[in-house]
Amino acid sequence: MSNQKQQLGATHSSFARQLLDTFRYRLAHADALPQLAILGTISGLLAGLIAIAFRLAIEVPLGILLPDGSESFEALPLWWRFGLPVGGFLLIALAFHFYESADRATGVRHVINRLHQHQAHLPLKNAVVQFLGGVAAVISGGPLGREGPAVHLGAAGASLLGQRMQLPNNSLRTLVGCGVAAAIAASFNTPLAGVVFAMEVVLVEYTIAGFTPVILAAVSGAVMSRLVFGSDPAFAVPPVNMGSLLEMPFFVLCGLLLGLLSSAMLYLFRRTSRFSGKPVWLKFLVAGLITGALAVVFPQIQGIGYDTVEQALLGQLGMGLLLGIVAAKLIASTIAAALDMPGGIIGPTFVIGACMGSALGIVGSQFNPENAASPGFYAFLGMGAMMAAVLNAPLAALIAVLELTYNPNILLPSMLVIIIANITARLTTGLPGIFYIGLDINRYSSPVFQTLSRAGVTSLMVSQLAHHGREITWAMAKESLEQKPDWIVIEDVGADKYILRPADLARYLENQDKSLWEQDHPIDLTEIPAEERWRLFPVHERATLQEAMLLMRQENGNAVYIRRANPLPGREVAGVVTRMDIDNYYQ
């Protein structure tokens, strides 16, 4: 009975492995929609749970430590406002000292770098650093937000899930996009903005195969967040309506001013990021001193700042305080982000944009008091414009404003202000967006790069092969040709592997003396004349076509091979992909 149970268990285990292998094989294809839809939903749920845990890890301690709730840094004494970020940042630096520089990389920039240069393999160690460091940075009164860390954590959770399942690298790219979308959806309760942000900023592509799982992930993440925090938007939203079409020229001016403000933020980030190679204690000390000094006068810059956004939306802040918060938040958050503090820059763009927009609304109301829109209306315009211009994500910003207000009347002015701000920032700085400063954006957005990254090598490999050592007999050669293989693989144990066209072998046999057939004279497959005999270079079965092409370029080769899982001696090659195959695929 025991043997029967063991045999049954072994059968079930073997069947499960076959199903998983089939699942992996299908995912190597660019059109594996059903499989990606399943993974998108699962990764969205996982990313949503991680984002919820990260948010609670910040709100619960702050709710206990601060006198009036989790956003009331203003209620702290002056010396606490200064000392908290200085001491907290130094403690984070002390903890970071025990990690290698590569392990301390966090945030959206880290996700983009790993996605495009490391085949979407996000390490667990960086995610742990992001979680603990991000929580500590916000609790310490830092000026950065929680959305960037949530994006990193959501993407890492999805990537680690795919790595655990040993999925092909092309599907890991989609999973990272799913994690990003779910994290944004869970953070702001804006699922559609999460989708567009993932496609526009991180993946840098729009495809049907990519949209479907990312949408499912965003929905899953938003549902998880609403189950815990409710369905209310991230901010208290007042009624917002455009006062009159006469305001349109002023909207143009607002777009220009917000674009210039975004340019200042981008310039400051680029110049400060030159010091990112300095010792971590020095960088964090400088960030803490700047934050603490500014927080003495403007404590609203500390923490996530959603309470400040709500006050700006409701018109509860005066002109002087609004402009002071704009300047202080811009300086503190940009410098902290450029010096590699483990926080996010998305939230600060909302705070800066809301305050600047509200200030512009106050100015606009002086020209036309009867028909002017409310300061809250302009605050939303400012939020969208700053997000669009700083992140270079105009569509994501527009969708975010729409989802936060649930008011289509804001679409027309938002489109105008966002596009003008985005164009102004691009023309004045020439920078591609804060996440891509210092990165090769042209390489990532190349159509060939995108196309080859969507498919795995197993989707294109040729597996109809004849395997031989270097020397074979005439009888073996004839038998191989009768099988009509696509390639003849030449592989000896411990030697380089080659492929040979069967047509070249057939041509050689036809041109030889027939008497050699009877003598069974050996044939050296590496010496016979051949138009196509190429050395093979190994790639992992989870590699993308992009990885295969890069390897062939590096080695000046024309073909790669996929290794069998449990190869026999002289039978390692499971499939072959040539440069010609890849060229035909993307052309």
Protein backbone atom coordinates (compact mmCIF):
# COMPACT_ATOMS: atom_id res chain seq x y z
CA MET A 1 0.00 0.00 0.00
CA SER A 2 2.87 2.31 0.90
CA ASN A 3 4.58 1.61 -2.44
CA GLN A 4 1.36 2.40 -4.29
CA LYS A 5 1.09 5.76 -2.49
CA GLN A 6 4.68 6.55 -3.34
CA GLN A 7 4.14 5.66 -6.99
CA LEU A 8 0.95 7.75 -7.07
CA GLY A 9 2.76 10.69 -5.47
CA ALA A 10 5.61 10.37 -7.96
CA THR A 11 3.09 10.30 -10.83
CA HIS A 12 1.35 13.42 -9.56
CA SER A 13 4.72 15.16 -9.08
CA SER A 14 5.80 14.23 -12.59
CA PHE A 15 2.49 15.48 -14.02
CA ALA A 16 2.84 18.79 -12.14
CA ARG A 17 6.36 19.24 -13.50
CA GLN A 18 5.13 18.60 -17.02
CA LEU A 19 2.37 21.18 -16.59
CA LEU A 20 4.85 23.73 -15.27
CA ASP A 21 7.29 23.01 -18.10
CA THR A 22 4.48 23.50 -20.63
CA PHE A 23 3.49 26.71 -18.86
CA ARG A 24 7.06 28.00 -19.05
CA TYR A 25 7.36 27.03 -22.71
CA ARG A 26 4.21 28.96 -23.62
CA LEU A 27 5.43 32.01 -21.68
CA ALA A 28 8.52 32.16 -23.89
CA HIS A 29 6.22 33.23 -26.73
CA ALA A 30 5.29 36.89 -27.08
CA ASP A 31 1.55 36.10 -27.37
CA ALA A 32 1.08 33.98 -24.22
CA LEU A 33 -1.95 36.00 -23.09
CA PRO A 34 -3.77 33.37 -20.96
CA GLN A 35 -0.63 32.49 -19.03
CA LEU A 36 0.34 36.14 -18.55
CA ALA A 37 -3.20 36.99 -17.42
CA ILE A 38 -2.98 34.40 -14.65
CA LEU A 39 0.44 35.62 -13.57
CA GLY A 40 -0.68 39.26 -13.76
CA THR A 41 -3.55 38.62 -11.37
CA ILE A 42 -1.36 36.71 -8.91
CA SER A 43 1.45 39.25 -9.01
CA GLY A 44 -1.06 42.09 -8.59
CA LEU A 45 -2.45 40.51 -5.44
CA LEU A 46 1.06 39.97 -4.11
CA ALA A 47 2.17 43.53 -4.92
CA GLY A 48 -1.00 44.90 -3.35
CA LEU A 49 -0.33 43.02 -0.11
CA ILE A 50 3.26 44.27 -0.02
CA ALA A 51 2.15 47.88 -0.64
CA ILE A 52 -0.43 47.57 2.15
CA ALA A 53 2.18 46.19 4.55
CA PHE A 54 4.58 49.01 3.67
CA ARG A 55 1.91 51.67 4.19
CA LEU A 56 0.87 50.22 7.55
CA ALA A 57 4.52 49.96 8.63
CA ILE A 58 4.70 53.74 8.19
CA GLU A 59 1.28 54.87 9.43
CA VAL A 60 1.05 52.77 12.58
CA PRO A 61 4.33 53.97 14.19
CA LEU A 62 3.70 57.58 13.17
CA GLY A 63 0.18 57.43 14.55
CA ILE A 64 1.68 56.42 17.90
CA LEU A 65 4.72 58.72 17.92
CA LEU A 66 3.23 61.98 16.62
CA PRO A 67 0.83 63.95 18.81
CA ASP A 68 -1.97 64.52 16.29
CA GLY A 69 -1.72 61.55 13.94
CA SER A 70 0.54 60.20 11.24
CA GLU A 71 1.02 63.49 9.33
CA SER A 72 1.37 65.99 12.17
CA PHE A 73 5.09 66.83 12.07
CA GLU A 74 3.99 70.48 12.43
CA ALA A 75 3.03 69.75 16.05
CA LEU A 76 6.58 68.77 17.01
CA PRO A 77 8.89 71.21 18.83
CA LEU A 78 11.52 73.02 16.74
CA TRP A 79 14.44 70.92 17.94
CA TRP A 80 12.54 67.71 17.09
CA ARG A 81 11.88 68.93 13.56
CA PHE A 82 15.59 69.47 13.07
CA GLY A 83 17.00 66.58 15.06
CA LEU A 84 14.64 63.86 13.84
CA PRO A 85 15.78 63.79 10.17
CA VAL A 86 19.44 64.34 11.08
CA GLY A 87 19.53 61.52 13.63
CA GLY A 88 17.25 59.25 11.66
CA PHE A 89 19.20 59.61 8.42
CA LEU A 90 22.47 58.90 10.23
CA LEU A 91 20.98 55.72 11.72
CA ILE A 92 19.90 54.65 8.23
CA ALA A 93 23.43 55.38 6.98
CA LEU A 94 24.86 53.26 9.79
CA ALA A 95 22.63 50.35 8.78
CA PHE A 96 23.45 50.85 5.07
CA HIS A 97 27.17 50.76 5.88
CA PHE A 98 26.96 46.98 6.22
CA TYR A 99 25.59 46.57 2.68
CA GLU A 100 27.46 46.70 -0.61
CA SER A 101 26.76 49.69 -2.84
CA ALA A 102 24.82 47.54 -5.32
CA ASP A 103 22.62 46.16 -2.53
CA ARG A 104 21.67 49.68 -1.41
CA ALA A 105 20.15 50.61 -4.78
CA THR A 106 16.42 51.26 -4.37
CA GLY A 107 13.45 52.99 -5.93
CA VAL A 108 12.01 53.31 -9.41
CA ARG A 109 15.43 53.98 -10.98
CA HIS A 110 16.66 50.67 -9.59
CA VAL A 111 13.62 48.88 -11.05
CA ILE A 112 14.22 50.42 -14.49
CA ASN A 113 17.90 49.55 -14.38
CA ARG A 114 17.26 45.92 -13.41
CA LEU A 115 14.47 45.61 -15.96
CA HIS A 116 16.51 46.75 -18.93
CA GLN A 117 20.04 45.67 -18.00
CA HIS A 118 19.48 42.58 -15.85
CA GLN A 119 16.49 40.95 -17.54
CA ALA A 120 14.03 42.04 -14.80
CA HIS A 121 15.79 40.04 -12.07
CA LEU A 122 15.24 42.14 -8.94
CA PRO A 123 17.22 40.91 -5.90
CA LEU A 124 15.56 40.15 -2.57
CA LYS A 125 18.29 41.96 -0.63
CA ASN A 126 17.54 45.30 -2.30
CA ALA A 127 13.84 44.86 -1.60
CA VAL A 128 14.52 44.30 2.10
CA VAL A 129 16.73 47.40 2.17
CA GLN A 130 13.96 49.35 0.43
CA PHE A 131 11.27 48.23 2.86
CA LEU A 132 13.20 48.91 6.06
CA GLY A 133 15.02 51.98 4.75
CA GLY A 134 11.86 53.50 3.27
CA VAL A 135 9.93 53.06 6.51
CA ALA A 136 12.77 54.54 8.55
CA ALA A 137 13.20 57.50 6.18
CA VAL A 138 9.54 58.55 6.40
CA ILE A 139 9.28 57.97 10.16
CA SER A 140 12.41 60.11 10.57
CA GLY A 141 10.64 63.06 9.00
CA GLY A 142 12.21 62.68 5.58
CA PRO A 143 10.79 64.71 2.66
CA LEU A 144 10.28 61.77 0.30
CA GLY A 145 7.14 59.75 -0.39
CA ARG A 146 6.07 56.13 -0.11
CA GLU A 147 5.03 55.55 -3.73
CA GLY A 148 8.55 55.03 -5.14
CA PRO A 149 9.39 52.41 -2.50
CA ALA A 150 6.00 50.77 -3.07
CA VAL A 151 6.78 50.53 -6.80
CA HIS A 152 10.13 48.91 -6.05
CA LEU A 153 8.59 46.47 -3.58
CA GLY A 154 5.70 45.56 -5.87
CA ALA A 155 8.00 45.01 -8.83
CA ALA A 156 10.43 42.99 -6.70
CA GLY A 157 7.64 40.79 -5.35
CA ALA A 158 6.42 40.01 -8.87
CA SER A 159 9.97 39.42 -10.15
CA LEU A 160 10.88 37.13 -7.25
CA LEU A 161 7.68 35.15 -7.88
CA GLY A 162 8.73 34.63 -11.49
CA GLN A 163 12.30 33.76 -10.51
CA ARG A 164 11.02 31.24 -7.98
CA MET A 165 8.94 29.58 -10.70
CA GLN A 166 11.95 29.72 -13.09
CA LEU A 167 9.92 31.54 -15.71
CA PRO A 168 11.57 32.81 -18.92
CA ASN A 169 13.05 36.28 -18.70
CA ASN A 170 10.68 37.81 -21.26
CA SER A 171 7.75 37.07 -18.93
CA LEU A 172 9.64 38.54 -15.96
CA ARG A 173 9.58 41.90 -17.77
CA THR A 174 5.80 41.77 -17.90
CA LEU A 175 5.60 40.67 -14.27
CA VAL A 176 7.68 43.68 -13.20
CA GLY A 177 5.23 45.92 -15.06
CA CYS A 178 2.39 44.18 -13.24
CA GLY A 179 4.03 44.81 -9.88
CA VAL A 180 4.56 48.48 -10.70
CA ALA A 181 0.95 49.00 -11.80
CA ALA A 182 -0.45 47.22 -8.75
CA ALA A 183 1.73 49.27 -6.38
CA ILE A 184 0.64 52.61 -7.90
CA ALA A 185 -2.99 51.46 -7.88
CA ALA A 186 -2.76 50.45 -4.22
CA SER A 187 -0.96 53.66 -3.21
CA PHE A 188 -3.26 56.23 -4.83
CA ASN A 189 -6.38 54.12 -5.48
CA THR A 190 -5.86 54.89 -9.18
CA PRO A 191 -5.71 51.58 -11.10
CA LEU A 192 -5.75 53.06 -14.60
CA ALA A 193 -2.99 55.53 -13.76
CA GLY A 194 -0.99 52.58 -12.44
CA VAL A 195 -1.34 50.79 -15.77
CA VAL A 196 -0.29 53.80 -17.81
CA PHE A 197 2.60 54.62 -15.45
CA ALA A 198 3.94 51.07 -15.77
CA MET A 199 3.74 51.14 -19.57
CA GLU A 200 4.85 54.75 -20.07
CA VAL A 201 7.66 55.11 -17.53
CA VAL A 202 8.97 51.63 -16.66
CA LEU A 203 8.32 49.26 -19.57
CA VAL A 204 8.48 52.07 -22.16
CA GLU A 205 6.14 50.23 -24.53
CA TYR A 206 2.48 49.73 -25.34
CA THR A 207 1.41 46.26 -26.48
CA ILE A 208 -1.79 44.24 -26.18
CA ALA A 209 0.11 41.33 -24.63
CA GLY A 210 1.56 43.75 -22.09
CA PHE A 211 -1.63 45.68 -21.34
CA THR A 212 -3.79 42.68 -20.45
CA PRO A 213 -1.80 41.29 -17.49
CA VAL A 214 -0.85 44.77 -16.28
CA ILE A 215 -4.52 45.83 -16.18
CA LEU A 216 -5.43 42.70 -14.22
CA ALA A 217 -2.57 43.38 -11.81
CA ALA A 218 -3.68 46.97 -11.27
CA VAL A 219 -7.24 45.88 -10.58
CA SER A 220 -6.01 43.23 -8.14
CA GLY A 221 -3.79 45.72 -6.32
CA ALA A 222 -6.55 48.32 -6.10
CA VAL A 223 -9.04 45.75 -4.76
CA MET A 224 -6.60 44.67 -2.05
CA SER A 225 -6.04 48.29 -1.03
CA ARG A 226 -9.77 49.08 -0.95
CA LEU A 227 -10.45 46.06 1.24
CA VAL A 228 -8.06 47.46 3.85
CA PHE A 229 -8.25 51.25 3.47
CA GLY A 230 -11.62 51.75 1.78
CA SER A 231 -12.50 53.13 -1.64
CA ASP A 232 -11.92 56.82 -0.90
CA PRO A 233 -9.27 58.57 -3.03
CA ALA A 234 -5.84 59.32 -1.58
CA PHE A 235 -6.85 62.95 -0.89
CA ALA A 236 -10.00 64.73 0.24
CA VAL A 237 -11.24 66.11 -3.09
CA PRO A 238 -13.31 69.32 -3.13
CA PRO A 239 -15.68 70.12 -6.03
CA VAL A 240 -13.55 71.23 -8.98
CA ASN A 241 -14.89 72.99 -12.06
CA MET A 242 -13.45 75.41 -14.56
CA GLY A 243 -14.85 78.88 -14.01
CA SER A 244 -14.82 80.16 -17.58
CA LEU A 245 -13.15 79.68 -20.94
CA LEU A 246 -11.62 83.10 -20.35
CA GLU A 247 -9.19 81.31 -18.02
CA MET A 248 -7.58 79.42 -20.92
CA PRO A 249 -4.79 81.99 -21.49
CA PHE A 250 -3.99 81.83 -17.78
CA PHE A 251 -3.83 78.02 -18.03
CA VAL A 252 -1.13 78.45 -20.68
CA LEU A 253 0.83 80.69 -18.31
CA CYS A 254 0.36 78.14 -15.50
CA GLY A 255 1.75 75.41 -17.73
CA LEU A 256 4.83 77.48 -18.54
CA LEU A 257 5.50 78.33 -14.89
CA LEU A 258 5.00 74.73 -13.74
CA GLY A 259 7.27 73.53 -16.54
CA LEU A 260 9.99 75.91 -15.41
CA LEU A 261 9.54 74.73 -11.81
CA SER A 262 9.91 71.13 -13.00
CA SER A 263 13.04 72.12 -14.92
CA ALA A 264 14.55 73.52 -11.72
CA MET A 265 13.81 70.22 -9.98
CA LEU A 266 15.41 68.21 -12.79
CA TYR A 267 18.49 70.44 -12.91
CA LEU A 268 18.93 70.21 -9.15
CA PHE A 269 18.61 66.42 -9.25
CA ARG A 270 21.16 66.06 -12.05
CA ARG A 271 23.73 68.29 -10.37
CA THR A 272 23.27 66.72 -6.94
CA SER A 273 23.40 63.16 -8.29
CA ARG A 274 27.05 63.79 -9.23
CA PHE A 275 27.81 63.32 -5.54
CA SER A 276 26.08 59.95 -5.29
CA GLY A 277 29.48 58.24 -5.14
CA LYS A 278 30.38 59.90 -1.85
CA PRO A 279 30.35 57.89 1.42
CA VAL A 280 26.83 57.01 2.47
CA TRP A 281 27.15 58.63 5.91
CA LEU A 282 28.18 61.93 4.33
CA LYS A 283 25.36 61.89 1.79
CA PHE A 284 22.70 61.08 4.35
CA LEU A 285 24.07 63.61 6.83
CA VAL A 286 23.85 66.37 4.22
CA ALA A 287 20.30 65.31 3.30
CA GLY A 288 19.33 65.24 6.98
CA LEU A 289 20.83 68.65 7.73
CA ILE A 290 19.10 70.28 4.74
CA THR A 291 15.78 68.65 5.57
CA GLY A 292 16.01 69.52 9.26
CA ALA A 293 16.98 73.14 8.64
CA LEU A 294 14.12 73.70 6.20
CA ALA A 295 11.66 71.82 8.42
CA VAL A 296 12.28 74.25 11.27
CA VAL A 297 10.50 76.91 9.19
CA PHE A 298 8.32 74.69 7.00
CA PRO A 299 7.50 71.45 8.86
CA GLN A 300 4.93 70.65 6.15
CA ILE A 301 7.76 69.25 4.00
CA GLN A 302 8.29 66.34 6.40
CA GLY A 303 6.64 63.00 5.87
CA ILE A 304 4.50 62.02 2.91
CA GLY A 305 2.66 65.35 2.86
CA TYR A 306 -0.84 64.28 1.93
CA ASP A 307 -2.28 66.53 4.66
CA THR A 308 -0.55 69.47 3.01
CA VAL A 309 -1.99 68.46 -0.36
CA GLU A 310 -5.50 68.40 1.12
CA GLN A 311 -5.03 71.83 2.69
CA ALA A 312 -3.87 73.20 -0.66
CA LEU A 313 -6.86 71.60 -2.40
CA LEU A 314 -9.25 73.13 0.14
CA GLY A 315 -7.64 76.58 -0.10
CA GLN A 316 -6.59 76.60 3.55
CA LEU A 317 -3.02 77.82 3.01
CA GLY A 318 -1.92 81.39 2.36
CA MET A 319 0.19 82.57 -0.56
CA GLY A 320 3.41 83.00 1.43
CA LEU A 321 3.17 79.57 3.08
CA LEU A 322 2.35 77.89 -0.24
CA LEU A 323 5.40 79.34 -2.00
CA GLY A 324 7.61 78.55 1.01
CA ILE A 325 6.47 74.91 0.99
CA VAL A 326 7.11 74.71 -2.77
CA ALA A 327 10.68 75.94 -2.44
CA ALA A 328 11.51 73.94 0.70
CA LYS A 329 9.94 70.69 -0.49
CA LEU A 330 11.58 70.95 -3.89
CA ILE A 331 15.05 71.49 -2.43
CA ALA A 332 14.79 68.90 0.36
CA SER A 333 13.13 66.10 -1.60
CA THR A 334 15.23 66.51 -4.75
CA ILE A 335 18.53 66.53 -2.86
CA ALA A 336 17.48 63.57 -0.71
CA ALA A 337 16.46 61.57 -3.79
CA ALA A 338 19.64 62.46 -5.69
CA LEU A 339 21.75 61.38 -2.70
CA ASP A 340 20.11 57.93 -2.77
CA MET A 341 17.79 58.17 0.21
CA PRO A 342 15.41 55.17 0.14
CA GLY A 343 12.26 57.17 -0.59
CA GLY A 344 10.09 58.15 -3.54
CA ILE A 345 9.87 61.32 -5.63
CA ILE A 346 6.34 60.81 -6.98
CA GLY A 347 4.63 61.99 -3.78
CA PRO A 348 6.78 65.15 -3.51
CA THR A 349 5.82 66.16 -7.06
CA PHE A 350 2.19 66.02 -5.94
CA VAL A 351 2.89 68.18 -2.87
CA ILE A 352 4.93 70.72 -4.84
CA GLY A 353 2.42 70.79 -7.69
CA ALA A 354 -0.61 71.14 -5.41
CA CYS A 355 0.93 74.04 -3.48
CA MET A 356 2.18 75.81 -6.59
CA GLY A 357 -1.15 75.28 -8.34
CA SER A 358 -3.08 76.61 -5.36
CA ALA A 359 -0.83 79.71 -5.30
CA LEU A 360 -1.48 80.26 -9.00
CA GLY A 361 -5.20 79.87 -8.33
CA ILE A 362 -5.03 82.65 -5.76
CA VAL A 363 -3.29 84.88 -8.30
CA GLY A 364 -5.82 84.01 -11.01
CA SER A 365 -8.75 84.83 -8.78
CA GLN A 366 -7.47 88.40 -8.44
CA PHE A 367 -7.97 89.05 -12.15
CA ASN A 368 -11.47 87.62 -12.45
CA PRO A 369 -12.96 87.03 -9.00
CA GLU A 370 -16.45 86.19 -10.26
CA ASN A 371 -15.57 83.54 -12.88
CA ALA A 372 -12.27 82.17 -11.55
CA ALA A 373 -11.98 78.51 -10.59
CA SER A 374 -11.21 77.57 -7.00
CA PRO A 375 -7.63 77.18 -5.73
CA GLY A 376 -8.36 73.45 -5.44
CA PHE A 377 -8.98 73.28 -9.18
CA TYR A 378 -5.60 74.85 -9.87
CA ALA A 379 -4.00 72.60 -7.26
CA PHE A 380 -5.05 69.56 -9.26
CA LEU A 381 -3.70 71.15 -12.43
CA GLY A 382 -0.40 71.72 -10.64
CA MET A 383 -0.23 68.14 -9.36
CA GLY A 384 -0.73 66.73 -12.84
CA ALA A 385 1.70 69.16 -14.47
CA MET A 386 4.53 68.53 -11.98
CA MET A 387 4.12 64.77 -12.18
CA ALA A 388 4.06 64.86 -15.98
CA ALA A 389 7.03 67.18 -16.40
CA VAL A 390 9.30 65.72 -13.69
CA LEU A 391 8.63 62.06 -14.46
CA ASN A 392 8.10 62.59 -18.22
CA ALA A 393 4.77 60.80 -17.89
CA PRO A 394 2.06 63.11 -19.31
CA LEU A 395 -0.53 60.42 -19.97
CA ALA A 396 -0.11 58.80 -16.54
CA ALA A 397 -0.40 62.23 -14.90
CA LEU A 398 -3.56 63.06 -16.84
CA ILE A 399 -5.19 59.76 -15.91
CA ALA A 400 -4.15 60.20 -12.27
CA VAL A 401 -5.84 63.62 -12.08
CA LEU A 402 -8.98 62.21 -13.66
CA GLU A 403 -9.13 59.23 -11.29
CA LEU A 404 -8.45 61.37 -8.22
CA THR A 405 -11.21 63.85 -9.02
CA TYR A 406 -13.73 61.59 -10.82
CA ASN A 407 -14.61 64.76 -12.70
CA PRO A 408 -14.34 64.87 -16.51
CA ASN A 409 -14.59 68.67 -16.45
CA ILE A 410 -10.95 68.84 -15.40
CA LEU A 411 -9.75 66.96 -18.49
CA LEU A 412 -9.61 69.85 -20.96
CA PRO A 413 -7.58 72.28 -18.82
CA SER A 414 -5.43 69.44 -17.47
CA MET A 415 -4.49 68.35 -20.97
CA LEU A 416 -3.43 71.87 -21.84
CA VAL A 417 -1.45 72.59 -18.67
CA ILE A 418 0.20 69.14 -18.55
CA ILE A 419 1.39 69.20 -22.16
CA ILE A 420 2.70 72.76 -21.96
CA ALA A 421 4.56 71.96 -18.72
CA ASN A 422 5.97 68.76 -20.21
CA ILE A 423 7.17 70.49 -23.38
CA THR A 424 8.67 73.36 -21.38
CA ALA A 425 10.64 71.00 -19.15
CA ARG A 426 11.93 68.98 -22.10
CA LEU A 427 12.98 72.05 -24.09
CA THR A 428 14.67 73.84 -21.20
CA THR A 429 16.53 70.86 -19.77
CA GLY A 430 16.85 68.30 -22.57
CA LEU A 431 16.43 65.63 -19.87
CA PRO A 432 14.25 62.54 -20.37
CA GLY A 433 12.65 62.53 -16.90
CA ILE A 434 14.02 62.17 -13.40
CA PHE A 435 14.09 58.35 -13.42
CA TYR A 436 16.16 58.21 -16.61
CA ILE A 437 18.76 60.85 -15.80
CA GLY A 438 22.10 59.13 -16.37
CA LEU A 439 20.54 56.12 -18.13
CA ASP A 440 20.60 55.28 -21.84
CA ILE A 441 16.96 55.92 -22.72
CA ASN A 442 17.51 55.45 -26.47
CA ARG A 443 18.79 51.91 -25.95
CA TYR A 444 15.78 50.98 -23.81
CA SER A 445 13.22 52.42 -26.21
CA SER A 446 14.74 50.88 -29.35
CA PRO A 447 12.05 48.98 -31.31
CA VAL A 448 14.44 46.08 -31.90
CA PHE A 449 15.31 45.92 -28.19
CA GLN A 450 11.63 45.91 -27.23
CA THR A 451 10.67 43.30 -29.81
CA LEU A 452 13.44 40.85 -28.93
CA SER A 453 12.86 41.28 -25.19
CA ARG A 454 9.26 40.09 -25.49
CA ALA A 455 10.14 36.54 -26.60
CA GLY A 456 12.28 33.78 -25.13
CA VAL A 457 14.83 31.69 -26.99
CA THR A 458 12.76 28.52 -26.59
CA SER A 459 9.97 30.09 -28.66
CA LEU A 460 12.28 30.31 -31.68
CA MET A 461 14.73 27.45 -31.20
CA VAL A 462 15.11 24.67 -33.75
CA SER A 463 15.08 21.26 -32.11
CA GLN A 464 15.11 18.95 -35.13
CA LEU A 465 18.80 18.15 -34.83
CA ALA A 466 21.21 15.33 -35.66
CA HIS A 467 23.88 14.93 -32.96
CA HIS A 468 27.35 13.65 -33.84
CA GLY A 469 30.91 13.83 -32.68
CA ARG A 470 33.61 15.35 -34.82
CA GLU A 471 34.23 12.17 -36.85
CA ILE A 472 31.43 9.98 -38.26
CA THR A 473 31.21 7.10 -40.71
CA TRP A 474 29.63 7.23 -44.14
CA ALA A 475 26.77 5.08 -42.91
CA MET A 476 26.09 7.46 -40.02
CA ALA A 477 26.18 10.43 -42.37
CA LYS A 478 23.68 8.79 -44.74
CA GLU A 479 21.37 7.88 -41.85
CA SER A 480 21.47 11.44 -40.51
CA LEU A 481 20.57 12.93 -43.87
CA GLU A 482 17.63 10.54 -44.23
CA GLN A 483 16.18 12.01 -40.98
CA LYS A 484 16.13 15.46 -42.65
CA PRO A 485 17.37 17.47 -39.66
CA ASP A 486 17.48 21.29 -39.68
CA TRP A 487 21.06 21.23 -38.41
CA ILE A 488 23.80 18.72 -37.74
CA VAL A 489 25.24 19.39 -34.28
CA ILE A 490 28.93 18.61 -33.77
CA GLU A 491 29.53 18.13 -30.06
CA ASP A 492 32.27 16.19 -28.30
CA VAL A 493 32.64 16.12 -24.54
CA GLY A 494 34.75 19.06 -23.38
CA ALA A 495 35.09 20.55 -26.89
CA ASP A 496 33.51 23.54 -28.60
CA LYS A 497 30.17 22.85 -30.28
CA TYR A 498 29.34 23.61 -33.90
CA ILE A 499 26.41 23.30 -36.28
CA LEU A 500 26.58 22.29 -39.92
CA ARG A 501 23.97 22.55 -42.64
CA PRO A 502 22.83 19.07 -43.82
CA ALA A 503 23.05 20.39 -47.40
CA ASP A 504 26.79 20.93 -46.97
CA LEU A 505 27.28 17.33 -45.80
CA ALA A 506 25.12 16.00 -48.67
CA ARG A 507 27.11 18.02 -51.19
CA TYR A 508 30.36 16.67 -49.78
CA LEU A 509 29.17 13.05 -50.05
CA GLU A 510 28.06 13.52 -53.65
CA ASN A 511 31.46 14.84 -54.66
CA GLN A 512 33.47 12.01 -53.11
CA ASP A 513 34.70 8.79 -54.62
CA LYS A 514 32.08 6.06 -54.12
CA SER A 515 34.78 3.60 -53.13
CA LEU A 516 35.24 5.49 -49.89
CA TRP A 517 31.71 4.45 -48.94
CA GLU A 518 32.72 0.80 -49.03
CA GLN A 519 35.92 1.46 -47.07
CA ASP A 520 33.87 3.32 -44.47
CA HIS A 521 36.46 6.07 -44.43
CA PRO A 522 35.79 8.46 -41.47
CA ILE A 523 34.45 11.94 -42.19
CA ASP A 524 35.69 14.92 -40.16
CA LEU A 525 32.69 17.25 -39.91
CA THR A 526 34.90 20.18 -38.89
CA GLU A 527 37.09 19.88 -41.98
CA ILE A 528 34.72 19.26 -44.89
CA PRO A 529 33.89 22.29 -47.08
CA ALA A 530 30.81 24.11 -45.78
CA GLU A 531 29.05 27.40 -46.47
CA GLU A 532 27.46 27.47 -43.00
CA ARG A 533 29.37 25.89 -40.13
CA TRP A 534 29.12 28.02 -37.01
CA ARG A 535 30.35 27.73 -33.49
CA LEU A 536 27.62 27.54 -30.84
CA PHE A 537 27.56 29.65 -27.68
CA PRO A 538 25.41 28.64 -24.69
CA VAL A 539 22.40 30.62 -23.43
CA HIS A 540 20.06 29.76 -20.58
CA GLU A 541 16.67 28.36 -21.48
CA ARG A 542 15.06 31.38 -19.75
CA ALA A 543 17.01 33.88 -21.87
CA THR A 544 15.29 36.31 -24.23
CA LEU A 545 16.07 36.73 -27.91
CA GLN A 546 17.68 40.03 -26.95
CA GLU A 547 20.15 38.21 -24.69
CA ALA A 548 20.92 35.74 -27.46
CA MET A 549 21.56 38.54 -29.96
CA LEU A 550 23.83 40.41 -27.53
CA LEU A 551 25.83 37.23 -26.89
CA MET A 552 26.31 36.63 -30.61
CA ARG A 553 27.47 40.22 -31.09
CA GLN A 554 29.91 39.98 -28.20
CA GLU A 555 31.37 36.69 -29.45
CA ASN A 556 31.17 37.64 -33.14
CA GLY A 557 29.13 34.49 -33.62
CA ASN A 558 26.11 33.43 -35.61
CA ALA A 559 24.33 30.88 -33.38
CA VAL A 560 23.57 29.94 -29.78
CA TYR A 561 22.34 26.75 -28.22
CA ILE A 562 19.95 25.98 -25.38
CA ARG A 563 21.30 23.37 -23.00
CA ARG A 564 19.24 20.35 -21.92
CA ALA A 565 18.14 20.20 -18.28
CA ASN A 566 19.79 16.79 -17.63
CA PRO A 567 22.07 16.18 -20.61
CA LEU A 568 23.81 12.95 -21.54
CA PRO A 569 27.48 13.17 -22.55
CA GLY A 570 27.67 14.55 -26.08
CA ARG A 571 23.95 15.43 -26.07
CA GLU A 572 23.84 18.82 -24.37
CA VAL A 573 22.28 20.81 -27.19
CA ALA A 574 18.49 20.88 -26.88
CA GLY A 575 17.87 23.57 -29.49
CA VAL A 576 19.59 26.10 -31.71
CA VAL A 577 18.82 29.74 -32.51
CA THR A 578 20.76 31.53 -35.23
CA ARG A 579 21.27 35.20 -35.97
CA MET A 580 19.28 34.68 -39.17
CA ASP A 581 16.35 33.29 -37.17
CA ILE A 582 16.32 36.40 -34.96
CA ASP A 583 16.64 38.75 -37.93
CA ASN A 584 13.67 37.10 -39.62
CA TYR A 585 11.69 37.27 -36.37
CA TYR A 586 11.85 41.02 -35.86
CA GLN A 587 11.87 41.97 -39.52
